[in-house]
PDB file of N, CA and C in Angstrom:
ATOM      1  N   MET A   1     235.264 121.539  36.145  1.00  0.00           N
ATOM      2  CA  MET A   1     235.911 121.858  34.888  1.00  0.00           C
ATOM      3  C   MET A   1     235.000 121.347  33.765  1.00  0.00           C
ATOM      4  N   SER A   2     234.696 122.199  32.838  1.00  0.00           N
ATOM      5  CA  SER A   2     233.773 121.848  31.770  1.00  0.00           C
ATOM      6  C   SER A   2     234.502 121.174  30.598  1.00  0.00           C
ATOM      7  N   VAL A   3     233.732 120.489  29.780  1.00  0.00           N
ATOM      8  CA  VAL A   3     234.297 119.858  28.587  1.00  0.00           C
ATOM      9  C   VAL A   3     234.875 120.914  27.644  1.00  0.00           C
ATOM     10  N   PRO A   4     234.187 122.052  27.387  1.00  0.00           N
ATOM     11  CA  PRO A   4     234.819 123.066  26.531  1.00  0.00           C
ATOM     12  C   PRO A   4     236.155 123.570  27.067  1.00  0.00           C
ATOM     13  N   THR A   5     236.291 123.683  28.394  1.00  0.00           N
ATOM     14  CA  THR A   5     237.573 124.107  28.972  1.00  0.00           C
ATOM     15  C   THR A   5     238.644 123.061  28.700  1.00  0.00           C
ATOM     16  N   LEU A   6     238.318 121.787  28.888  1.00  0.00           N
ATOM     17  CA  LEU A   6     239.285 120.725  28.608  1.00  0.00           C
ATOM     18  C   LEU A   6     239.743 120.771  27.153  1.00  0.00           C
ATOM     19  N   VAL A   7     238.798 120.942  26.260  1.00  0.00           N
ATOM     20  CA  VAL A   7     239.109 120.919  24.835  1.00  0.00           C
ATOM     21  C   VAL A   7     239.826 122.195  24.397  1.00  0.00           C
ATOM     22  N   ASN A   8     239.268 123.345  24.717  1.00  0.00           N
ATOM     23  CA  ASN A   8     239.794 124.611  24.197  1.00  0.00           C
ATOM     24  C   ASN A   8     241.035 125.118  24.927  1.00  0.00           C
ATOM     25  N   GLN A   9     241.083 124.959  26.240  1.00  0.00           N
ATOM     26  CA  GLN A   9     242.214 125.492  27.004  1.00  0.00           C
ATOM     27  C   GLN A   9     243.333 124.472  27.163  1.00  0.00           C
ATOM     28  N   TYR A  10     242.984 123.229  27.455  1.00  0.00           N
ATOM     29  CA  TYR A  10     243.994 122.209  27.740  1.00  0.00           C
ATOM     30  C   TYR A  10     244.220 121.233  26.581  1.00  0.00           C
ATOM     31  N   HIS A  11     243.367 121.273  25.584  1.00  0.00           N
ATOM     32  CA  HIS A  11     243.485 120.407  24.401  1.00  0.00           C
ATOM     33  C   HIS A  11     243.470 118.927  24.775  1.00  0.00           C
ATOM     34  N   ILE A  12     242.570 118.588  25.702  1.00  0.00           N
ATOM     35  CA  ILE A  12     242.412 117.207  26.149  1.00  0.00           C
ATOM     36  C   ILE A  12     241.002 116.736  25.786  1.00  0.00           C
ATOM     37  N   GLY A  13     240.915 115.578  25.183  1.00  0.00           N
ATOM     38  CA  GLY A  13     239.634 114.944  24.903  1.00  0.00           C
ATOM     39  C   GLY A  13     239.483 113.719  25.792  1.00  0.00           C
ATOM     40  N   LEU A  14     238.256 113.324  26.046  1.00  0.00           N
ATOM     41  CA  LEU A  14     237.971 112.145  26.874  1.00  0.00           C
ATOM     42  C   LEU A  14     236.991 111.227  26.139  1.00  0.00           C
ATOM     43  N   PRO A  15     237.456 110.585  25.059  1.00  0.00           N
ATOM     44  CA  PRO A  15     236.545 109.714  24.312  1.00  0.00           C
ATOM     45  C   PRO A  15     236.146 108.479  25.120  1.00  0.00           C
ATOM     46  N   VAL A  16     234.936 108.023  24.892  1.00  0.00           N
ATOM     47  CA  VAL A  16     234.455 106.787  25.515  1.00  0.00           C
ATOM     48  C   VAL A  16     235.130 105.622  24.799  1.00  0.00           C
ATOM     49  N   ILE A  17     235.786 104.757  25.586  1.00  0.00           N
ATOM     50  CA  ILE A  17     236.430 103.581  24.986  1.00  0.00           C
ATOM     51  C   ILE A  17     235.708 102.290  25.356  1.00  0.00           C
ATOM     52  N   LYS A  18     234.806 102.381  26.345  1.00  0.00           N
ATOM     53  CA  LYS A  18     234.030 101.208  26.725  1.00  0.00           C
ATOM     54  C   LYS A  18     232.786 101.695  27.465  1.00  0.00           C
ATOM     55  N   SER A  19     231.686 101.026  27.244  1.00  0.00           N
ATOM     56  CA  SER A  19     230.474 101.351  27.998  1.00  0.00           C
ATOM     57  C   SER A  19     229.692 100.073  28.269  1.00  0.00           C
ATOM     58  N   TYR A  20     228.942 100.115  29.340  1.00  0.00           N
ATOM     59  CA  TYR A  20     228.133  98.973  29.734  1.00  0.00           C
ATOM     60  C   TYR A  20     226.870  99.489  30.403  1.00  0.00           C
ATOM     61  N   SER A  21     225.742  98.922  30.042  1.00  0.00           N
ATOM     62  CA  SER A  21     224.471  99.242  30.691  1.00  0.00           C
ATOM     63  C   SER A  21     223.703  97.958  30.921  1.00  0.00           C
ATOM     64  N   ARG A  22     223.088  97.881  32.074  1.00  0.00           N
ATOM     65  CA  ARG A  22     222.207  96.757  32.383  1.00  0.00           C
ATOM     66  C   ARG A  22     220.808  97.332  32.598  1.00  0.00           C
ATOM     67  N   TYR A  23     219.917  96.980  31.712  1.00  0.00           N
ATOM     68  CA  TYR A  23     218.542  97.457  31.792  1.00  0.00           C
ATOM     69  C   TYR A  23     217.716  96.432  32.554  1.00  0.00           C
ATOM     70  N   ARG A  24     217.190  96.830  33.703  1.00  0.00           N
ATOM     71  CA  ARG A  24     216.452  95.914  34.554  1.00  0.00           C
ATOM     72  C   ARG A  24     214.950  96.011  34.362  1.00  0.00           C
ATOM     73  N   GLN A  25     214.499  97.218  34.008  1.00  0.00           N
ATOM     74  CA  GLN A  25     213.065  97.457  33.914  1.00  0.00           C
ATOM     75  C   GLN A  25     212.849  98.627  32.963  1.00  0.00           C
ATOM     76  N   PRO A  26     211.794  98.575  32.142  1.00  0.00           N
ATOM     77  CA  PRO A  26     211.566  99.677  31.214  1.00  0.00           C
ATOM     78  C   PRO A  26     211.026 100.930  31.909  1.00  0.00           C
ATOM     79  N   LEU A  27     211.250 102.056  31.267  1.00  0.00           N
ATOM     80  CA  LEU A  27     210.672 103.338  31.671  1.00  0.00           C
ATOM     81  C   LEU A  27     209.780 103.820  30.532  1.00  0.00           C
ATOM     82  N   THR A  28     208.882 104.735  30.857  1.00  0.00           N
ATOM     83  CA  THR A  28     208.080 105.370  29.818  1.00  0.00           C
ATOM     84  C   THR A  28     208.452 106.843  29.737  1.00  0.00           C
ATOM     85  N   PHE A  29     207.989 107.500  28.701  1.00  0.00           N
ATOM     86  CA  PHE A  29     208.414 108.853  28.399  1.00  0.00           C
ATOM     87  C   PHE A  29     208.221 109.834  29.555  1.00  0.00           C
ATOM     88  N   MET A  30     207.145 109.784  30.266  1.00  0.00           N
ATOM     89  CA  MET A  30     206.847 110.777  31.295  1.00  0.00           C
ATOM     90  C   MET A  30     207.256 110.322  32.708  1.00  0.00           C
ATOM     91  N   ASP A  31     207.938 109.203  32.836  1.00  0.00           N
ATOM     92  CA  ASP A  31     208.390 108.737  34.154  1.00  0.00           C
ATOM     93  C   ASP A  31     209.355 109.738  34.783  1.00  0.00           C
ATOM     94  N   HIS A  32     209.223 109.921  36.073  1.00  0.00           N
ATOM     95  CA  HIS A  32     210.190 110.734  36.824  1.00  0.00           C
ATOM     96  C   HIS A  32     211.312 109.808  37.267  1.00  0.00           C
ATOM     97  N   ILE A  33     212.537 110.260  37.074  1.00  0.00           N
ATOM     98  CA  ILE A  33     213.696 109.433  37.401  1.00  0.00           C
ATOM     99  C   ILE A  33     214.719 110.247  38.187  1.00  0.00           C
ATOM    100  N   LYS A  34     215.605 109.520  38.851  1.00  0.00           N
ATOM    101  CA  LYS A  34     216.785 110.115  39.478  1.00  0.00           C
ATOM    102  C   LYS A  34     217.990 109.402  38.885  1.00  0.00           C
ATOM    103  N   ILE A  35     219.023 110.184  38.597  1.00  0.00           N
ATOM    104  CA  ILE A  35     220.253 109.616  38.048  1.00  0.00           C
ATOM    105  C   ILE A  35     221.377 109.879  39.040  1.00  0.00           C
ATOM    106  N   TYR A  36     222.068 108.827  39.405  1.00  0.00           N
ATOM    107  CA  TYR A  36     223.216 108.916  40.309  1.00  0.00           C
ATOM    108  C   TYR A  36     224.468 108.563  39.517  1.00  0.00           C
ATOM    109  N   ALA A  37     225.513 109.358  39.692  1.00  0.00           N
ATOM    110  CA  ALA A  37     226.767 109.105  38.987  1.00  0.00           C
ATOM    111  C   ALA A  37     227.937 109.315  39.938  1.00  0.00           C
ATOM    112  N   SER A  38     228.977 108.545  39.726  1.00  0.00           N
ATOM    113  CA  SER A  38     230.187 108.683  40.531  1.00  0.00           C
ATOM    114  C   SER A  38     231.393 108.306  39.674  1.00  0.00           C
ATOM    115  N   ILE A  39     232.554 108.728  40.128  1.00  0.00           N
ATOM    116  CA  ILE A  39     233.807 108.382  39.448  1.00  0.00           C
ATOM    117  C   ILE A  39     234.477 107.283  40.260  1.00  0.00           C
ATOM    118  N   SER A  40     234.740 106.153  39.614  1.00  0.00           N
ATOM    119  CA  SER A  40     235.349 105.029  40.331  1.00  0.00           C
ATOM    120  C   SER A  40     236.823 104.824  39.985  1.00  0.00           C
ATOM    121  N   GLU A  41     237.301 105.470  38.953  1.00  0.00           N
ATOM    122  CA  GLU A  41     238.717 105.374  38.553  1.00  0.00           C
ATOM    123  C   GLU A  41     239.088 106.698  37.920  1.00  0.00           C
ATOM    124  N   TYR A  42     240.257 107.217  38.249  1.00  0.00           N
ATOM    125  CA  TYR A  42     240.652 108.495  37.663  1.00  0.00           C
ATOM    126  C   TYR A  42     242.149 108.612  37.433  1.00  0.00           C
ATOM    127  N   GLU A  43     242.898 107.539  37.590  1.00  0.00           N
ATOM    128  CA  GLU A  43     244.349 107.628  37.381  1.00  0.00           C
ATOM    129  C   GLU A  43     244.736 107.251  35.954  1.00  0.00           C
ATOM    130  N   ASN A  44     244.439 106.031  35.546  1.00  0.00           N
ATOM    131  CA  ASN A  44     244.780 105.605  34.191  1.00  0.00           C
ATOM    132  C   ASN A  44     243.667 105.910  33.198  1.00  0.00           C
ATOM    133  N   TYR A  45     242.440 105.808  33.659  1.00  0.00           N
ATOM    134  CA  TYR A  45     241.250 106.098  32.866  1.00  0.00           C
ATOM    135  C   TYR A  45     240.274 106.837  33.763  1.00  0.00           C
ATOM    136  N   LEU A  46     239.230 107.397  33.159  1.00  0.00           N
ATOM    137  CA  LEU A  46     238.113 107.921  33.939  1.00  0.00           C
ATOM    138  C   LEU A  46     236.959 106.949  33.780  1.00  0.00           C
ATOM    139  N   ASN A  47     236.503 106.393  34.884  1.00  0.00           N
ATOM    140  CA  ASN A  47     235.322 105.527  34.879  1.00  0.00           C
ATOM    141  C   ASN A  47     234.191 106.242  35.579  1.00  0.00           C
ATOM    142  N   PHE A  48     233.081 106.415  34.877  1.00  0.00           N
ATOM    143  CA  PHE A  48     231.877 106.992  35.453  1.00  0.00           C
ATOM    144  C   PHE A  48     230.864 105.865  35.645  1.00  0.00           C
ATOM    145  N   ASP A  49     230.499 105.601  36.882  1.00  0.00           N
ATOM    146  CA  ASP A  49     229.461 104.620  37.194  1.00  0.00           C
ATOM    147  C   ASP A  49     228.142 105.368  37.311  1.00  0.00           C
ATOM    148  N   PHE A  50     227.043 104.725  36.899  1.00  0.00           N
ATOM    149  CA  PHE A  50     225.752 105.393  37.008  1.00  0.00           C
ATOM    150  C   PHE A  50     224.656 104.402  37.358  1.00  0.00           C
ATOM    151  N   ALA A  51     223.596 104.947  37.943  1.00  0.00           N
ATOM    152  CA  ALA A  51     222.382 104.184  38.232  1.00  0.00           C
ATOM    153  C   ALA A  51     221.192 105.107  38.004  1.00  0.00           C
ATOM    154  N   VAL A  52     220.130 104.567  37.448  1.00  0.00           N
ATOM    155  CA  VAL A  52     218.897 105.307  37.214  1.00  0.00           C
ATOM    156  C   VAL A  52     217.813 104.656  38.059  1.00  0.00           C
ATOM    157  N   GLN A  53     217.118 105.482  38.846  1.00  0.00           N
ATOM    158  CA  GLN A  53     216.018 104.992  39.683  1.00  0.00           C
ATOM    159  C   GLN A  53     214.703 105.550  39.170  1.00  0.00           C
ATOM    160  N   ASN A  54     213.648 104.746  39.291  1.00  0.00           N
ATOM    161  CA  ASN A  54     212.320 105.257  38.970  1.00  0.00           C
ATOM    162  C   ASN A  54     211.762 105.993  40.180  1.00  0.00           C
ATOM    163  N   ALA A  55     210.523 106.478  40.071  1.00  0.00           N
ATOM    164  CA  ALA A  55     209.918 107.272  41.148  1.00  0.00           C
ATOM    165  C   ALA A  55     209.762 106.479  42.443  1.00  0.00           C
ATOM    166  N   ALA A  56     209.669 105.173  42.345  1.00  0.00           N
ATOM    167  CA  ALA A  56     209.541 104.321  43.529  1.00  0.00           C
ATOM    168  C   ALA A  56     210.894 104.035  44.182  1.00  0.00           C
ATOM    169  N   GLY A  57     211.985 104.509  43.572  1.00  0.00           N
ATOM    170  CA  GLY A  57     213.322 104.298  44.128  1.00  0.00           C
ATOM    171  C   GLY A  57     213.980 103.012  43.683  1.00  0.00           C
ATOM    172  N   LYS A  58     213.359 102.309  42.746  1.00  0.00           N
ATOM    173  CA  LYS A  58     213.927 101.051  42.245  1.00  0.00           C
ATOM    174  C   LYS A  58     214.927 101.341  41.123  1.00  0.00           C
ATOM    175  N   VAL A  59     216.104 100.707  41.183  1.00  0.00           N
ATOM    176  CA  VAL A  59     217.108 100.871  40.124  1.00  0.00           C
ATOM    177  C   VAL A  59     216.604 100.162  38.868  1.00  0.00           C
ATOM    178  N   VAL A  60     216.469 100.930  37.796  1.00  0.00           N
ATOM    179  CA  VAL A  60     215.973 100.376  36.540  1.00  0.00           C
ATOM    180  C   VAL A  60     217.090 100.207  35.500  1.00  0.00           C
ATOM    181  N   THR A  61     218.167 100.932  35.669  1.00  0.00           N
ATOM    182  CA  THR A  61     219.324 100.825  34.777  1.00  0.00           C
ATOM    183  C   THR A  61     220.576 101.150  35.576  1.00  0.00           C
ATOM    184  N   GLU A  62     221.648 100.428  35.282  1.00  0.00           N
ATOM    185  CA  GLU A  62     222.930 100.737  35.898  1.00  0.00           C
ATOM    186  C   GLU A  62     224.028 100.403  34.908  1.00  0.00           C
ATOM    187  N   GLY A  63     225.188 101.025  35.104  1.00  0.00           N
ATOM    188  CA  GLY A  63     226.285 100.742  34.202  1.00  0.00           C
ATOM    189  C   GLY A  63     227.455 101.666  34.424  1.00  0.00           C
ATOM    190  N   TYR A  64     228.300 101.760  33.399  1.00  0.00           N
ATOM    191  CA  TYR A  64     229.473 102.626  33.492  1.00  0.00           C
ATOM    192  C   TYR A  64     229.941 103.018  32.099  1.00  0.00           C
ATOM    193  N   THR A  65     230.733 104.071  32.040  1.00  0.00           N
ATOM    194  CA  THR A  65     231.480 104.429  30.836  1.00  0.00           C
ATOM    195  C   THR A  65     232.939 104.586  31.223  1.00  0.00           C
ATOM    196  N   LYS A  66     233.813 104.166  30.346  1.00  0.00           N
ATOM    197  CA  LYS A  66     235.261 104.256  30.566  1.00  0.00           C
ATOM    198  C   LYS A  66     235.822 105.204  29.509  1.00  0.00           C
ATOM    199  N   HIS A  67     236.587 106.202  29.965  1.00  0.00           N
ATOM    200  CA  HIS A  67     237.116 107.233  29.083  1.00  0.00           C
ATOM    201  C   HIS A  67     238.639 107.258  29.140  1.00  0.00           C
ATOM    202  N   ALA A  68     239.267 107.381  27.991  1.00  0.00           N
ATOM    203  CA  ALA A  68     240.711 107.562  27.922  1.00  0.00           C
ATOM    204  C   ALA A  68     241.001 109.049  27.768  1.00  0.00           C
ATOM    205  N   ALA A  69     242.169 109.479  28.175  1.00  0.00           N
ATOM    206  CA  ALA A  69     242.605 110.860  27.952  1.00  0.00           C
ATOM    207  C   ALA A  69     243.351 110.903  26.621  1.00  0.00           C
ATOM    208  N   PHE A  70     243.050 111.923  25.844  1.00  0.00           N
ATOM    209  CA  PHE A  70     243.618 112.043  24.506  1.00  0.00           C
ATOM    210  C   PHE A  70     244.131 113.460  24.299  1.00  0.00           C
ATOM    211  N   ASP A  71     245.396 113.601  23.894  1.00  0.00           N
ATOM    212  CA  ASP A  71     245.990 114.906  23.607  1.00  0.00           C
ATOM    213  C   ASP A  71     245.564 115.317  22.194  1.00  0.00           C
ATOM    214  N   LEU A  72     244.713 116.332  22.111  1.00  0.00           N
ATOM    215  CA  LEU A  72     244.161 116.739  20.825  1.00  0.00           C
ATOM    216  C   LEU A  72     245.181 117.437  19.932  1.00  0.00           C
ATOM    217  N   GLN A  73     246.195 118.074  20.507  1.00  0.00           N
ATOM    218  CA  GLN A  73     247.224 118.733  19.685  1.00  0.00           C
ATOM    219  C   GLN A  73     248.202 117.722  19.097  1.00  0.00           C
ATOM    220  N   LYS A  74     248.670 116.811  19.923  1.00  0.00           N
ATOM    221  CA  LYS A  74     249.626 115.804  19.449  1.00  0.00           C
ATOM    222  C   LYS A  74     248.934 114.624  18.780  1.00  0.00           C
ATOM    223  N   ARG A  75     247.602 114.547  18.969  1.00  0.00           N
ATOM    224  CA  ARG A  75     246.789 113.455  18.424  1.00  0.00           C
ATOM    225  C   ARG A  75     247.300 112.101  18.904  1.00  0.00           C
ATOM    226  N   GLU A  76     247.517 112.019  20.237  1.00  0.00           N
ATOM    227  CA  GLU A  76     247.967 110.749  20.800  1.00  0.00           C
ATOM    228  C   GLU A  76     247.255 110.456  22.118  1.00  0.00           C
ATOM    229  N   LEU A  77     247.109 109.176  22.346  1.00  0.00           N
ATOM    230  CA  LEU A  77     246.491 108.696  23.574  1.00  0.00           C
ATOM    231  C   LEU A  77     247.447 108.893  24.733  1.00  0.00           C
ATOM    232  N   LEU A  78     246.929 109.371  25.846  1.00  0.00           N
ATOM    233  CA  LEU A  78     247.737 109.519  27.059  1.00  0.00           C
ATOM    234  C   LEU A  78     247.555 108.264  27.900  1.00  0.00           C
ATOM    235  N   PHE A  79     248.611 107.819  28.549  1.00  0.00           N
ATOM    236  CA  PHE A  79     248.539 106.585  29.312  1.00  0.00           C
ATOM    237  C   PHE A  79     248.167 106.807  30.767  1.00  0.00           C
ATOM    238  N   ALA A  80     247.835 108.045  31.099  1.00  0.00           N
ATOM    239  CA  ALA A  80     247.336 108.385  32.435  1.00  0.00           C
ATOM    240  C   ALA A  80     246.480 109.634  32.301  1.00  0.00           C
ATOM    241  N   VAL A  81     245.523 109.765  33.179  1.00  0.00           N
ATOM    242  CA  VAL A  81     244.724 110.984  33.225  1.00  0.00           C
ATOM    243  C   VAL A  81     245.644 112.101  33.711  1.00  0.00           C
ATOM    244  N   PRO A  82     245.672 113.247  33.029  1.00  0.00           N
ATOM    245  CA  PRO A  82     246.570 114.336  33.441  1.00  0.00           C
ATOM    246  C   PRO A  82     246.393 114.713  34.918  1.00  0.00           C
ATOM    247  N   ASP A  83     247.509 115.077  35.536  1.00  0.00           N
ATOM    248  CA  ASP A  83     247.504 115.400  36.971  1.00  0.00           C
ATOM    249  C   ASP A  83     246.492 116.479  37.334  1.00  0.00           C
ATOM    250  N   PHE A  84     246.335 117.510  36.496  1.00  0.00           N
ATOM    251  CA  PHE A  84     245.420 118.594  36.860  1.00  0.00           C
ATOM    252  C   PHE A  84     243.969 118.100  36.922  1.00  0.00           C
ATOM    253  N   ILE A  85     243.630 117.102  36.112  1.00  0.00           N
ATOM    254  CA  ILE A  85     242.278 116.528  36.185  1.00  0.00           C
ATOM    255  C   ILE A  85     242.143 115.693  37.451  1.00  0.00           C
ATOM    256  N   GLN A  86     243.160 114.878  37.758  1.00  0.00           N
ATOM    257  CA  GLN A  86     243.124 114.071  38.984  1.00  0.00           C
ATOM    258  C   GLN A  86     242.991 114.961  40.213  1.00  0.00           C
ATOM    259  N   GLN A  87     243.748 116.058  40.252  1.00  0.00           N
ATOM    260  CA  GLN A  87     243.683 116.970  41.396  1.00  0.00           C
ATOM    261  C   GLN A  87     242.315 117.623  41.520  1.00  0.00           C
ATOM    262  N   ARG A  88     241.709 117.973  40.394  1.00  0.00           N
ATOM    263  CA  ARG A  88     240.376 118.581  40.415  1.00  0.00           C
ATOM    264  C   ARG A  88     239.351 117.585  40.961  1.00  0.00           C
ATOM    265  N   ILE A  89     239.452 116.336  40.579  1.00  0.00           N
ATOM    266  CA  ILE A  89     238.543 115.303  41.087  1.00  0.00           C
ATOM    267  C   ILE A  89     238.706 115.160  42.596  1.00  0.00           C
ATOM    268  N   LEU A  90     239.955 115.115  43.059  1.00  0.00           N
ATOM    269  CA  LEU A  90     240.199 114.991  44.502  1.00  0.00           C
ATOM    270  C   LEU A  90     239.679 116.202  45.263  1.00  0.00           C
ATOM    271  N   THR A  91     239.835 117.395  44.699  1.00  0.00           N
ATOM    272  CA  THR A  91     239.347 118.618  45.352  1.00  0.00           C
ATOM    273  C   THR A  91     237.817 118.592  45.463  1.00  0.00           C
ATOM    274  N   VAL A  92     237.147 118.216  44.406  1.00  0.00           N
ATOM    275  CA  VAL A  92     235.677 118.150  44.438  1.00  0.00           C
ATOM    276  C   VAL A  92     235.223 117.069  45.411  1.00  0.00           C
ATOM    277  N   ALA A  93     235.884 115.924  45.402  1.00  0.00           N
ATOM    278  CA  ALA A  93     235.514 114.839  46.326  1.00  0.00           C
ATOM    279  C   ALA A  93     235.696 115.267  47.777  1.00  0.00           C
ATOM    280  N   ALA A  94     236.773 115.990  48.068  1.00  0.00           N
ATOM    281  CA  ALA A  94     237.022 116.458  49.437  1.00  0.00           C
ATOM    282  C   ALA A  94     235.958 117.468  49.859  1.00  0.00           C
ATOM    283  N   SER A  95     235.538 118.334  48.951  1.00  0.00           N
ATOM    284  CA  SER A  95     234.510 119.327  49.309  1.00  0.00           C
ATOM    285  C   SER A  95     233.155 118.670  49.529  1.00  0.00           C
ATOM    286  N   ASP A  96     232.901 117.548  48.838  1.00  0.00           N
ATOM    287  CA  ASP A  96     231.650 116.814  49.045  1.00  0.00           C
ATOM    288  C   ASP A  96     231.610 116.136  50.398  1.00  0.00           C
ATOM    289  N   GLN A  97     232.777 115.843  50.979  1.00  0.00           N
ATOM    290  CA  GLN A  97     232.855 115.201  52.296  1.00  0.00           C
ATOM    291  C   GLN A  97     232.459 116.149  53.418  1.00  0.00           C
ATOM    292  N   ASN A  98     232.605 117.439  53.179  1.00  0.00           N
ATOM    293  CA  ASN A  98     232.315 118.459  54.220  1.00  0.00           C
ATOM    294  C   ASN A  98     230.869 118.861  54.235  1.00  0.00           C
TER     295      ASN A  98
END
Protein backbone atom coordinates (compact mmCIF):
# COMPACT_ATOMS: atom_id res chain seq x y z
CA MET A 1 0.00 0.00 0.00
CA SER A 2 1.53 3.29 -1.06
CA VAL A 3 1.63 6.55 0.89
CA PRO A 4 -0.55 8.32 -1.74
CA THR A 5 -3.18 5.57 -1.31
CA LEU A 6 -3.15 6.01 2.47
CA VAL A 7 -3.51 9.76 2.15
CA ASN A 8 -5.90 10.07 -0.80
CA GLN A 9 -8.12 7.00 -0.38
CA TYR A 10 -8.07 6.34 3.36
CA HIS A 11 -7.16 9.83 4.65
CA ILE A 12 -4.53 8.41 7.00
CA GLY A 13 -1.18 10.06 7.66
CA LEU A 14 1.81 8.45 9.38
CA PRO A 15 3.90 11.30 10.81
CA VAL A 16 7.24 10.50 12.43
CA ILE A 17 6.94 11.07 16.18
CA LYS A 18 10.35 9.73 17.17
CA SER A 19 13.55 8.78 15.39
CA TYR A 20 16.91 7.43 16.42
CA SER A 21 20.10 6.80 14.48
CA ARG A 22 23.44 5.50 15.63
CA TYR A 23 26.26 6.37 13.28
CA ARG A 24 29.13 3.93 13.71
CA GLN A 25 31.31 4.77 10.74
CA PRO A 26 31.28 7.43 8.02
CA LEU A 27 30.41 6.80 4.38
CA THR A 28 31.53 8.74 1.34
CA PHE A 29 29.45 9.87 -1.61
CA MET A 30 30.26 7.00 -3.99
CA ASP A 31 30.18 4.16 -1.41
CA HIS A 32 27.97 1.21 -2.27
CA ILE A 33 25.57 0.40 0.54
CA LYS A 34 22.78 -1.99 1.43
CA ILE A 35 19.80 -0.85 3.48
CA TYR A 36 17.79 -3.32 5.54
CA ALA A 37 14.43 -2.34 7.02
CA SER A 38 11.81 -4.16 9.03
CA ILE A 39 8.65 -3.39 10.98
CA SER A 40 8.96 -4.18 14.68
CA GLU A 41 5.64 -2.74 15.93
CA TYR A 42 2.39 -2.25 14.07
CA GLU A 43 -0.49 -2.25 16.57
CA ASN A 44 -0.28 1.02 18.50
CA TYR A 45 2.43 2.62 16.38
CA LEU A 46 4.46 1.72 13.31
CA ASN A 47 8.13 1.21 14.12
CA PHE A 48 10.53 0.85 11.22
CA ASP A 49 13.96 -0.49 12.21
CA PHE A 50 16.83 -0.02 9.78
CA ALA A 51 20.49 -0.85 9.28
CA VAL A 52 22.91 0.40 6.62
CA GLN A 53 25.86 -1.76 5.59
CA ASN A 54 28.90 -0.73 3.60
CA ALA A 55 30.32 -2.82 0.74
CA ALA A 56 32.29 -4.94 3.21
CA GLY A 57 29.06 -5.88 5.02
CA LYS A 58 29.82 -3.84 8.13
CA VAL A 59 26.88 -2.01 9.75
CA VAL A 60 27.70 1.69 9.58
CA THR A 61 24.35 3.10 10.73
CA GLU A 62 21.35 1.66 12.53
CA GLY A 63 18.21 3.04 14.08
CA TYR A 64 14.46 3.32 13.90
CA THR A 65 11.55 5.65 13.21
CA LYS A 66 8.29 5.59 15.14
CA HIS A 67 5.10 6.68 13.36
CA ALA A 68 1.66 7.48 14.74
CA ALA A 69 -1.53 7.05 12.72
CA PHE A 70 -3.37 10.30 12.09
CA ASP A 71 -6.88 10.77 10.67
CA LEU A 72 -6.45 13.57 8.14
CA GLN A 73 -10.20 14.29 7.80
CA LYS A 74 -10.97 14.51 11.51
CA ARG A 75 -7.50 15.95 12.23
CA GLU A 76 -7.00 13.67 15.21
CA LEU A 77 -4.43 11.19 16.38
CA LEU A 78 -5.51 7.56 16.30
CA PHE A 79 -4.59 5.45 19.31
CA ALA A 80 -4.02 2.34 17.22
CA VAL A 81 -2.85 1.61 13.71
CA PRO A 82 -6.01 0.99 11.63
CA ASP A 83 -6.92 -2.68 11.20
CA PHE A 84 -6.60 -2.60 7.39
CA ILE A 85 -2.95 -1.50 7.72
CA GLN A 86 -2.23 -4.18 10.34
CA GLN A 87 -3.80 -6.83 8.09
CA ARG A 88 -1.76 -5.67 5.10
CA ILE A 89 1.45 -5.94 7.14
CA LEU A 90 0.53 -9.46 8.26
CA THR A 91 -0.31 -10.48 4.67
CA VAL A 92 3.02 -9.21 3.34
CA ALA A 93 4.92 -10.83 6.22
CA ALA A 94 3.20 -14.18 5.56
CA SER A 95 4.05 -14.02 1.84
CA ASP A 96 7.70 -13.32 2.71
CA GLN A 97 7.76 -16.55 4.76
CA ASN A 98 6.94 -18.64 1.67
